Amino acid sequence: MPVRKANAVWEGDLKGGKGTVALGSGAYQGPYSFGSRFEEATGTNPEELIGAAHAGCFSMALSAGLGRAGFTPQRVATSAKVHLEKVGEGFKITRIELDNESSVPEIDEATFQDQARKAKEGCPVSQALGGVEITLNARLTS
């Protein structure tokens, strides 16, 4: 299996400094800062990147599980809200909310929910984030 890489460079102090992050594949490179992480400034942040990774991982895991169960999804769309909160003297990712809408012909609600639960528990990013509360709201659409 391939080993995936990413890089980050930070220059300066925490509040006045700036950084860049880059995916090893070259698919993304961009700035991040104190403002983009703790305020609403332009740029990305580690939590946003974790959210993208988690949403992508869950979507693929759900699609794979549905396929193994004999269903072919037409669309699996997932968003992730990553909550960064002050805890004690530092900060912690306290919760990730996965929100999913899937179009899966000929599946019943109970089977879909079971597959969604299994995908949440089994996706590698969920497993890597085992110390974080992960919630899931999965809905079937027509």
Protein backbone atom coordinates (compact mmCIF):
# COMPACT_ATOMS: atom_id res chain seq x y z
CA MET A 1 0.00 0.00 0.00
CA PRO A 2 1.25 3.51 -0.75
CA VAL A 3 2.37 5.89 1.98
CA ARG A 4 0.72 9.31 1.60
CA LYS A 5 2.59 12.50 2.39
CA ALA A 6 1.81 16.10 3.16
CA ASN A 7 4.01 18.99 4.22
CA ALA A 8 3.61 22.13 6.29
CA VAL A 9 5.92 25.07 6.89
CA TRP A 10 5.30 27.73 9.56
CA GLU A 11 7.21 31.01 9.67
CA GLY A 12 7.07 33.40 12.61
CA ASP A 13 5.28 33.46 15.93
CA LEU A 14 1.84 31.97 16.54
CA LYS A 15 -0.37 35.00 15.99
CA GLY A 16 1.69 36.96 13.48
CA GLY A 17 3.19 34.07 11.58
CA LYS A 18 1.99 32.32 8.49
CA GLY A 19 2.26 28.92 6.96
CA THR A 20 1.67 26.81 3.91
CA VAL A 21 0.42 23.27 3.62
CA ALA A 22 0.87 21.05 0.59
CA LEU A 23 -0.41 17.64 -0.35
CA GLY A 24 2.25 15.26 -1.60
CA SER A 25 0.21 14.55 -4.73
CA GLY A 26 0.35 18.22 -5.70
CA ALA A 27 -3.45 18.42 -5.74
CA TYR A 28 -3.48 21.23 -3.18
CA GLN A 29 -1.10 23.81 -1.78
CA GLY A 30 -2.26 26.80 0.19
CA PRO A 31 -1.79 29.19 3.07
CA TYR A 32 -2.86 28.87 6.68
CA SER A 33 -2.56 31.23 9.60
CA PHE A 34 -3.73 31.91 13.14
CA GLY A 35 -6.61 33.82 11.57
CA SER A 36 -7.67 31.00 9.26
CA ARG A 37 -7.53 28.53 12.12
CA PHE A 38 -9.03 30.41 15.06
CA GLU A 39 -10.91 33.22 13.31
CA GLU A 40 -12.54 33.65 9.88
CA ALA A 41 -9.53 34.72 7.79
CA THR A 42 -8.83 33.41 4.30
CA GLY A 43 -6.84 30.19 4.04
CA THR A 44 -7.17 26.65 5.23
CA ASN A 45 -6.44 24.99 8.57
CA PRO A 46 -5.62 21.53 9.88
CA GLU A 47 -9.19 20.90 11.04
CA GLU A 48 -10.64 21.68 7.61
CA LEU A 49 -8.19 19.26 6.03
CA ILE A 50 -9.12 16.58 8.57
CA GLY A 51 -12.79 17.19 7.75
CA ALA A 52 -12.17 16.75 4.02
CA ALA A 53 -10.22 13.56 4.65
CA HIS A 54 -12.92 12.18 6.96
CA ALA A 55 -15.80 13.02 4.58
CA GLY A 56 -13.94 11.42 1.67
CA CYS A 57 -12.99 8.33 3.64
CA PHE A 58 -16.52 7.81 4.97
CA SER A 59 -18.08 8.25 1.51
CA MET A 60 -15.77 5.66 0.00
CA ALA A 61 -16.26 3.25 2.92
CA LEU A 62 -20.05 3.53 2.65
CA SER A 63 -19.93 2.98 -1.11
CA ALA A 64 -17.73 -0.09 -0.61
CA GLY A 65 -19.98 -1.54 2.11
CA LEU A 66 -23.10 -0.97 0.03
CA GLY A 67 -21.43 -2.72 -2.90
CA ARG A 68 -20.50 -5.73 -0.75
CA ALA A 69 -24.13 -5.87 0.40
CA GLY A 70 -25.34 -5.99 -3.21
CA PHE A 71 -26.35 -2.33 -3.68
CA THR A 72 -24.99 0.18 -6.16
CA PRO A 73 -25.19 3.73 -4.83
CA GLN A 74 -25.93 6.47 -7.34
CA ARG A 75 -24.51 9.17 -5.08
CA VAL A 76 -22.90 9.32 -1.63
CA ALA A 77 -22.36 12.91 -0.43
CA THR A 78 -20.83 13.61 2.97
CA SER A 79 -19.83 16.76 4.83
CA ALA A 80 -17.86 16.90 8.06
CA LYS A 81 -17.97 19.59 10.76
CA VAL A 82 -14.82 19.48 12.87
CA HIS A 83 -15.16 21.18 16.26
CA LEU A 84 -11.96 22.72 17.68
CA GLU A 85 -12.46 23.92 21.25
CA LYS A 86 -10.38 25.33 24.07
CA VAL A 87 -9.83 22.59 26.65
CA GLY A 88 -7.77 23.50 29.68
CA GLU A 89 -4.65 25.35 28.57
CA GLY A 90 -4.80 24.13 24.98
CA PHE A 91 -7.10 23.22 22.13
CA LYS A 92 -8.65 19.91 21.18
CA ILE A 93 -10.77 18.51 18.38
CA THR A 94 -13.75 17.52 20.50
CA ARG A 95 -16.27 16.31 17.94
CA ILE A 96 -16.74 15.57 14.26
CA GLU A 97 -20.24 15.60 12.80
CA LEU A 98 -20.60 13.58 9.63
CA ASP A 99 -23.66 14.50 7.58
CA ASN A 100 -24.49 12.21 4.68
CA GLU A 101 -27.07 12.08 1.91
CA SER A 102 -27.05 8.99 -0.27
CA SER A 103 -29.10 7.83 -3.20
CA VAL A 104 -29.19 4.03 -3.20
CA PRO A 105 -31.82 2.29 -5.32
CA GLU A 106 -33.78 -0.62 -3.81
CA ILE A 107 -32.36 -0.41 -0.28
CA ASP A 108 -34.49 -0.25 2.85
CA GLU A 109 -33.84 2.27 5.62
CA ALA A 110 -32.64 -0.27 8.21
CA THR A 111 -30.10 -1.81 5.83
CA PHE A 112 -28.86 1.63 4.79
CA GLN A 113 -28.44 2.78 8.39
CA ASP A 114 -26.56 -0.42 9.25
CA GLN A 115 -24.18 0.12 6.33
CA ALA A 116 -23.69 3.78 7.30
CA ARG A 117 -22.86 2.82 10.90
CA LYS A 118 -20.37 0.21 9.71
CA ALA A 119 -18.75 2.75 7.38
CA LYS A 120 -18.40 5.28 10.21
CA GLU A 121 -16.76 2.69 12.44
CA GLY A 122 -14.63 1.09 9.75
CA CYS A 123 -13.23 3.93 7.67
CA PRO A 124 -9.50 4.35 8.37
CA VAL A 125 -9.84 8.05 9.19
CA SER A 126 -12.55 7.32 11.80
CA GLN A 127 -10.25 4.72 13.30
CA ALA A 128 -7.32 7.14 13.36
CA LEU A 129 -9.50 9.68 15.17
CA GLY A 130 -10.68 7.18 17.77
CA GLY A 131 -10.28 9.65 20.65
CA VAL A 132 -12.80 12.05 19.11
CA GLU A 133 -16.58 11.81 19.38
CA ILE A 134 -17.90 11.13 15.87
CA THR A 135 -21.60 11.56 15.16
CA LEU A 136 -23.42 10.57 12.00
CA ASN A 137 -26.63 11.77 10.40
CA ALA A 138 -27.26 9.62 7.30
CA ARG A 139 -30.27 10.12 5.06
CA LEU A 140 -31.52 8.30 2.00
CA THR A 141 -32.65 10.52 -0.86
CA SER A 142 -34.64 9.52 -3.90
